[in-house]
Each structure stands twice: as structure tokens, then as C-alpha cells.
Amino acid sequence: MFKKIKRELSCLGGLKVSLIVFVAAAEVAGILTWLNCGNLTVFRRLLRFPPFSAPIPVTFFLWIALYAIFGVLSALTFKMEGCRCRPLFSALAGYFLALFWCPLFFGGRFAVALVSLLLSLLAVILTAARAGRYSSLAFALCAVLAVAELYFVYISAGVAILN
């Protein structure tokens, strides 16, 4: 599997334009979403968070990395040949559902943020099932996204229960 991923990484040169466009669009939308969330440090002081929850700056940079991974995944699924199942739609649905976590969560709507994140996780799993047969790299990116989203599901559920 690692040899196949290495071979697919070397083929990313053919995706330069779509890779740049998808990653840049995902990053810009993600950063703008976080900037419009309000005063996050005050929010962090007012609520109780579960153990092992990261500070706000670490959470921000983790989400920025996740947005970049969503951008790479979207570029991969956009140019996926021989795949009639259209994994791009589920990859973009997962991204947009995850994008709304920040304003929902920091807006105090913990249950809605949790549902949004769970639906995003479902879309990522669907993308892995659809694209994983054609691309080991797409499957690996989906696995990373799923683990990170499970962490944020834990945080969202923990804050909802503790507060």
C-alpha cells in the first residue's frame, strides 16, 4: 500500500492547477470562517472542556491542516479517472459540513455542531469507500480526516455534556 501511495504522490504533478485551486479555496474559506467566530478565548474560559482538549490556537492550526487535507482530497477525487461513483461530491459535502463546526460550536450550538461533524464523518467514510478502490492516497487522507473528526466529536460531545 505504501508503494502505491508513493507512486500516487509522484503523479500529483499532473494535478497542479486543481490542487492549488482546491487547497487555496479550502484554506481561505476555513480561515474566514474562524475569523468570523468571535472572541474564542473568552469562550474557552467560560466553558468546561473534556480532558485532552487542545487550546484554541492548537485547535485553529489543526483545523487549518484539516482544510488543506480536504483540499487535496477534493483535487484527487476531481481528477479521478475510471470512477463512475463521483467521490468528489461526498468529499466536498464532508468539507462543508466540517467547515460549519467552528461557528456552530463557538456559537453555543453544541448539539448541532456535533451532528454536523458526524455527518461530515459519514461523508468522509463514504468518500473513502468510493475513492479508496481507485486511490490509496485518497483512502489514507480519508483515514486521517476520520481520526481528526472523531477527536472533535469527542470534544463537542464532552462540552455538550459538561455544560
C-alpha atoms as a PDB file:
ATOM      1  CA  MET A   1       0.000   0.000   0.000  1.00  0.00           C
ATOM      2  CA  PHE A   2       2.869   2.399   0.809  1.00  0.00           C
ATOM      3  CA  LYS A   3       4.411   1.806  -2.630  1.00  0.00           C
ATOM      4  CA  LYS A   4       1.096   2.665  -4.240  1.00  0.00           C
ATOM      5  CA  ILE A   5       0.793   5.843  -2.164  1.00  0.00           C
ATOM      6  CA  LYS A   6       4.356   6.822  -3.101  1.00  0.00           C
ATOM      7  CA  ARG A   7       3.563   6.276  -6.790  1.00  0.00           C
ATOM      8  CA  GLU A   8       0.385   8.347  -6.474  1.00  0.00           C
ATOM      9  CA  LEU A   9       2.295  11.160  -4.738  1.00  0.00           C
ATOM     10  CA  SER A  10       4.680  11.323  -7.676  1.00  0.00           C
ATOM     11  CA  CYS A  11       1.693  11.708 -10.012  1.00  0.00           C
ATOM     12  CA  LEU A  12       0.378  14.780  -8.183  1.00  0.00           C
ATOM     13  CA  GLY A  13       2.345  16.969 -10.600  1.00  0.00           C
ATOM     14  CA  GLY A  14      -0.416  16.487 -13.159  1.00  0.00           C
ATOM     15  CA  LEU A  15      -2.906  17.920 -10.697  1.00  0.00           C
ATOM     16  CA  LYS A  16      -1.045  21.172 -10.028  1.00  0.00           C
ATOM     17  CA  VAL A  17      -3.795  23.579 -11.059  1.00  0.00           C
ATOM     18  CA  SER A  18      -6.694  21.745  -9.435  1.00  0.00           C
ATOM     19  CA  LEU A  19      -4.563  21.021  -6.361  1.00  0.00           C
ATOM     20  CA  ILE A  20      -3.689  24.699  -5.926  1.00  0.00           C
ATOM     21  CA  VAL A  21      -7.273  25.831  -6.545  1.00  0.00           C
ATOM     22  CA  PHE A  22      -8.925  23.326  -4.197  1.00  0.00           C
ATOM     23  CA  VAL A  23      -6.397  23.746  -1.366  1.00  0.00           C
ATOM     24  CA  ALA A  24      -6.407  27.539  -1.627  1.00  0.00           C
ATOM     25  CA  ALA A  25     -10.216  27.693  -1.684  1.00  0.00           C
ATOM     26  CA  ALA A  26     -10.483  25.330   1.290  1.00  0.00           C
ATOM     27  CA  GLU A  27      -7.915  27.299   3.292  1.00  0.00           C
ATOM     28  CA  VAL A  28      -9.411  30.720   2.545  1.00  0.00           C
ATOM     29  CA  ALA A  29     -12.952  29.597   3.422  1.00  0.00           C
ATOM     30  CA  GLY A  30     -11.676  27.904   6.583  1.00  0.00           C
ATOM     31  CA  ILE A  31      -9.694  30.900   7.803  1.00  0.00           C
ATOM     32  CA  LEU A  32     -12.577  33.283   7.066  1.00  0.00           C
ATOM     33  CA  THR A  33     -14.927  31.010   8.986  1.00  0.00           C
ATOM     34  CA  TRP A  34     -12.636  31.000  12.010  1.00  0.00           C
ATOM     35  CA  LEU A  35     -12.161  34.776  11.866  1.00  0.00           C
ATOM     36  CA  ASN A  36     -15.937  35.267  11.998  1.00  0.00           C
ATOM     37  CA  CYS A  37     -16.413  33.072  15.078  1.00  0.00           C
ATOM     38  CA  GLY A  38     -15.954  35.885  17.605  1.00  0.00           C
ATOM     39  CA  ASN A  39     -13.873  36.052  20.757  1.00  0.00           C
ATOM     40  CA  LEU A  40     -12.754  32.456  21.195  1.00  0.00           C
ATOM     41  CA  THR A  41     -10.507  32.966  24.217  1.00  0.00           C
ATOM     42  CA  VAL A  42     -13.398  34.291  26.324  1.00  0.00           C
ATOM     43  CA  PHE A  43     -15.487  31.336  25.179  1.00  0.00           C
ATOM     44  CA  ARG A  44     -12.748  28.944  26.260  1.00  0.00           C
ATOM     45  CA  ARG A  45     -12.651  30.482  29.760  1.00  0.00           C
ATOM     46  CA  LEU A  46     -16.405  30.315  30.271  1.00  0.00           C
ATOM     47  CA  LEU A  47     -16.952  26.655  29.428  1.00  0.00           C
ATOM     48  CA  ARG A  48     -15.675  23.402  30.804  1.00  0.00           C
ATOM     49  CA  PHE A  49     -13.882  21.236  28.261  1.00  0.00           C
ATOM     50  CA  PRO A  50     -13.240  17.493  28.456  1.00  0.00           C
ATOM     51  CA  PRO A  51      -9.757  16.169  29.251  1.00  0.00           C
ATOM     52  CA  PHE A  52      -7.240  16.139  26.387  1.00  0.00           C
ATOM     53  CA  SER A  53      -8.914  19.032  24.599  1.00  0.00           C
ATOM     54  CA  ALA A  54      -6.425  21.268  22.824  1.00  0.00           C
ATOM     55  CA  PRO A  55      -6.100  25.016  23.424  1.00  0.00           C
ATOM     56  CA  ILE A  56      -7.755  27.335  20.892  1.00  0.00           C
ATOM     57  CA  PRO A  57      -4.548  28.146  18.898  1.00  0.00           C
ATOM     58  CA  VAL A  58      -3.713  24.437  18.536  1.00  0.00           C
ATOM     59  CA  THR A  59      -7.304  23.718  17.507  1.00  0.00           C
ATOM     60  CA  PHE A  60      -7.132  26.504  14.919  1.00  0.00           C
ATOM     61  CA  PHE A  61      -3.936  25.168  13.332  1.00  0.00           C
ATOM     62  CA  LEU A  62      -5.276  21.624  13.398  1.00  0.00           C
ATOM     63  CA  TRP A  63      -8.371  22.741  11.524  1.00  0.00           C
ATOM     64  CA  ILE A  64      -6.239  24.663   9.017  1.00  0.00           C
ATOM     65  CA  ALA A  65      -4.294  21.450   8.350  1.00  0.00           C
ATOM     66  CA  LEU A  66      -7.576  19.537   8.001  1.00  0.00           C
ATOM     67  CA  TYR A  67      -8.866  22.085   5.496  1.00  0.00           C
ATOM     68  CA  ALA A  68      -5.700  21.572   3.439  1.00  0.00           C
ATOM     69  CA  ILE A  69      -6.227  17.798   3.562  1.00  0.00           C
ATOM     70  CA  PHE A  70      -9.821  18.287   2.429  1.00  0.00           C
ATOM     71  CA  GLY A  71      -8.491  20.416  -0.451  1.00  0.00           C
ATOM     72  CA  VAL A  72      -6.006  17.729  -1.527  1.00  0.00           C
ATOM     73  CA  LEU A  73      -8.705  15.057  -1.248  1.00  0.00           C
ATOM     74  CA  SER A  74     -11.093  17.139  -3.346  1.00  0.00           C
ATOM     75  CA  ALA A  75      -8.430  17.676  -6.017  1.00  0.00           C
ATOM     76  CA  LEU A  76      -7.699  13.932  -6.092  1.00  0.00           C
ATOM     77  CA  THR A  77     -11.345  12.994  -6.414  1.00  0.00           C
ATOM     78  CA  PHE A  78     -11.937  15.734  -9.008  1.00  0.00           C
ATOM     79  CA  LYS A  79      -9.428  14.183 -11.402  1.00  0.00           C
ATOM     80  CA  MET A  80     -10.205  10.569 -10.543  1.00  0.00           C
ATOM     81  CA  GLU A  81     -10.452   8.595 -13.767  1.00  0.00           C
ATOM     82  CA  GLY A  82     -12.385   5.382 -14.133  1.00  0.00           C
ATOM     83  CA  CYS A  83     -14.528   6.122 -11.112  1.00  0.00           C
ATOM     84  CA  ARG A  84     -18.191   6.477 -12.008  1.00  0.00           C
ATOM     85  CA  CYS A  85     -19.305   6.829  -8.383  1.00  0.00           C
ATOM     86  CA  ARG A  86     -18.433  10.565  -8.131  1.00  0.00           C
ATOM     87  CA  PRO A  87     -16.480  10.722  -4.873  1.00  0.00           C
ATOM     88  CA  LEU A  88     -15.963  14.489  -5.333  1.00  0.00           C
ATOM     89  CA  PHE A  89     -19.492  15.246  -4.135  1.00  0.00           C
ATOM     90  CA  SER A  90     -19.070  13.342  -0.881  1.00  0.00           C
ATOM     91  CA  ALA A  91     -15.606  14.880  -0.321  1.00  0.00           C
ATOM     92  CA  LEU A  92     -16.999  18.399  -0.757  1.00  0.00           C
ATOM     93  CA  ALA A  93     -20.027  17.591   1.406  1.00  0.00           C
ATOM     94  CA  GLY A  94     -17.675  16.397   4.156  1.00  0.00           C
ATOM     95  CA  TYR A  95     -15.650  19.600   3.858  1.00  0.00           C
ATOM     96  CA  PHE A  96     -18.646  21.939   4.043  1.00  0.00           C
ATOM     97  CA  LEU A  97     -20.176  20.082   6.964  1.00  0.00           C
ATOM     98  CA  ALA A  98     -16.850  20.229   8.815  1.00  0.00           C
ATOM     99  CA  LEU A  99     -16.464  23.893   7.900  1.00  0.00           C
ATOM    100  CA  PHE A 100     -19.609  24.747   9.864  1.00  0.00           C
ATOM    101  CA  TRP A 101     -18.305  23.135  13.046  1.00  0.00           C
ATOM    102  CA  CYS A 102     -16.462  26.256  14.199  1.00  0.00           C
ATOM    103  CA  PRO A 103     -19.317  28.792  14.016  1.00  0.00           C
ATOM    104  CA  LEU A 104     -21.812  26.288  15.390  1.00  0.00           C
ATOM    105  CA  PHE A 105     -19.595  25.107  18.220  1.00  0.00           C
ATOM    106  CA  PHE A 106     -18.357  28.537  19.273  1.00  0.00           C
ATOM    107  CA  GLY A 107     -21.875  29.899  18.833  1.00  0.00           C
ATOM    108  CA  GLY A 108     -23.009  27.639  21.658  1.00  0.00           C
ATOM    109  CA  ARG A 109     -24.933  25.186  19.488  1.00  0.00           C
ATOM    110  CA  PHE A 110     -23.030  22.109  20.632  1.00  0.00           C
ATOM    111  CA  ALA A 111     -25.596  19.505  19.584  1.00  0.00           C
ATOM    112  CA  VAL A 112     -25.924  20.990  16.081  1.00  0.00           C
ATOM    113  CA  ALA A 113     -22.135  21.179  15.759  1.00  0.00           C
ATOM    114  CA  LEU A 114     -21.905  17.552  16.832  1.00  0.00           C
ATOM    115  CA  VAL A 115     -24.484  16.477  14.240  1.00  0.00           C
ATOM    116  CA  SER A 116     -22.695  18.498  11.547  1.00  0.00           C
ATOM    117  CA  LEU A 117     -19.425  16.815  12.437  1.00  0.00           C
ATOM    118  CA  LEU A 118     -20.980  13.349  12.486  1.00  0.00           C
ATOM    119  CA  LEU A 119     -22.484  13.946   9.035  1.00  0.00           C
ATOM    120  CA  SER A 120     -19.094  15.153   7.833  1.00  0.00           C
ATOM    121  CA  LEU A 121     -17.517  11.987   9.218  1.00  0.00           C
ATOM    122  CA  LEU A 122     -20.124   9.937   7.366  1.00  0.00           C
ATOM    123  CA  ALA A 123     -19.316  11.797   4.134  1.00  0.00           C
ATOM    124  CA  VAL A 124     -15.585  11.147   4.656  1.00  0.00           C
ATOM    125  CA  ILE A 125     -16.269   7.450   5.194  1.00  0.00           C
ATOM    126  CA  LEU A 126     -18.379   7.425   2.027  1.00  0.00           C
ATOM    127  CA  THR A 127     -15.551   9.138   0.132  1.00  0.00           C
ATOM    128  CA  ALA A 128     -13.102   6.525   1.430  1.00  0.00           C
ATOM    129  CA  ALA A 129     -15.416   3.736   0.296  1.00  0.00           C
ATOM    130  CA  ARG A 130     -15.903   5.285  -3.143  1.00  0.00           C
ATOM    131  CA  ALA A 131     -12.390   6.546  -3.862  1.00  0.00           C
ATOM    132  CA  GLY A 132     -10.391   4.017  -1.856  1.00  0.00           C
ATOM    133  CA  ARG A 133     -10.727   1.395  -4.566  1.00  0.00           C
ATOM    134  CA  TYR A 134      -9.066   3.724  -7.060  1.00  0.00           C
ATOM    135  CA  SER A 135      -6.575   5.611  -4.915  1.00  0.00           C
ATOM    136  CA  SER A 136      -4.674   4.528  -1.823  1.00  0.00           C
ATOM    137  CA  LEU A 137      -3.704   8.143  -1.210  1.00  0.00           C
ATOM    138  CA  ALA A 138      -7.353   9.221  -1.106  1.00  0.00           C
ATOM    139  CA  PHE A 139      -8.083   6.394   1.322  1.00  0.00           C
ATOM    140  CA  ALA A 140      -5.150   7.434   3.556  1.00  0.00           C
ATOM    141  CA  LEU A 141      -6.310  11.076   3.535  1.00  0.00           C
ATOM    142  CA  CYS A 142      -9.823   9.958   4.471  1.00  0.00           C
ATOM    143  CA  ALA A 143      -8.395   7.922   7.351  1.00  0.00           C
ATOM    144  CA  VAL A 144      -6.518  10.962   8.698  1.00  0.00           C
ATOM    145  CA  LEU A 145      -9.650  13.103   8.382  1.00  0.00           C
ATOM    146  CA  ALA A 146     -11.777  10.476  10.124  1.00  0.00           C
ATOM    147  CA  VAL A 147      -9.424  10.249  13.094  1.00  0.00           C
ATOM    148  CA  ALA A 148      -9.261  14.041  13.446  1.00  0.00           C
ATOM    149  CA  GLU A 149     -13.023  14.380  13.166  1.00  0.00           C
ATOM    150  CA  LEU A 150     -13.515  11.691  15.810  1.00  0.00           C
ATOM    151  CA  TYR A 151     -11.338  13.797  18.110  1.00  0.00           C
ATOM    152  CA  PHE A 152     -13.555  16.826  17.508  1.00  0.00           C
ATOM    153  CA  VAL A 153     -16.670  14.684  18.001  1.00  0.00           C
ATOM    154  CA  TYR A 154     -15.206  13.804  21.420  1.00  0.00           C
ATOM    155  CA  ILE A 155     -14.641  17.492  22.223  1.00  0.00           C
ATOM    156  CA  SER A 156     -18.102  18.529  21.010  1.00  0.00           C
ATOM    157  CA  ALA A 157     -19.864  15.786  22.942  1.00  0.00           C
ATOM    158  CA  GLY A 158     -17.740  16.484  26.016  1.00  0.00           C
ATOM    159  CA  VAL A 159     -18.536  20.197  26.027  1.00  0.00           C
ATOM    160  CA  ALA A 160     -22.221  19.482  25.429  1.00  0.00           C
ATOM    161  CA  ILE A 161     -22.321  17.083  28.376  1.00  0.00           C
ATOM    162  CA  LEU A 162     -20.205  19.166  30.770  1.00  0.00           C
ATOM    163  CA  ASN A 163     -22.028  22.435  30.187  1.00  0.00           C
END
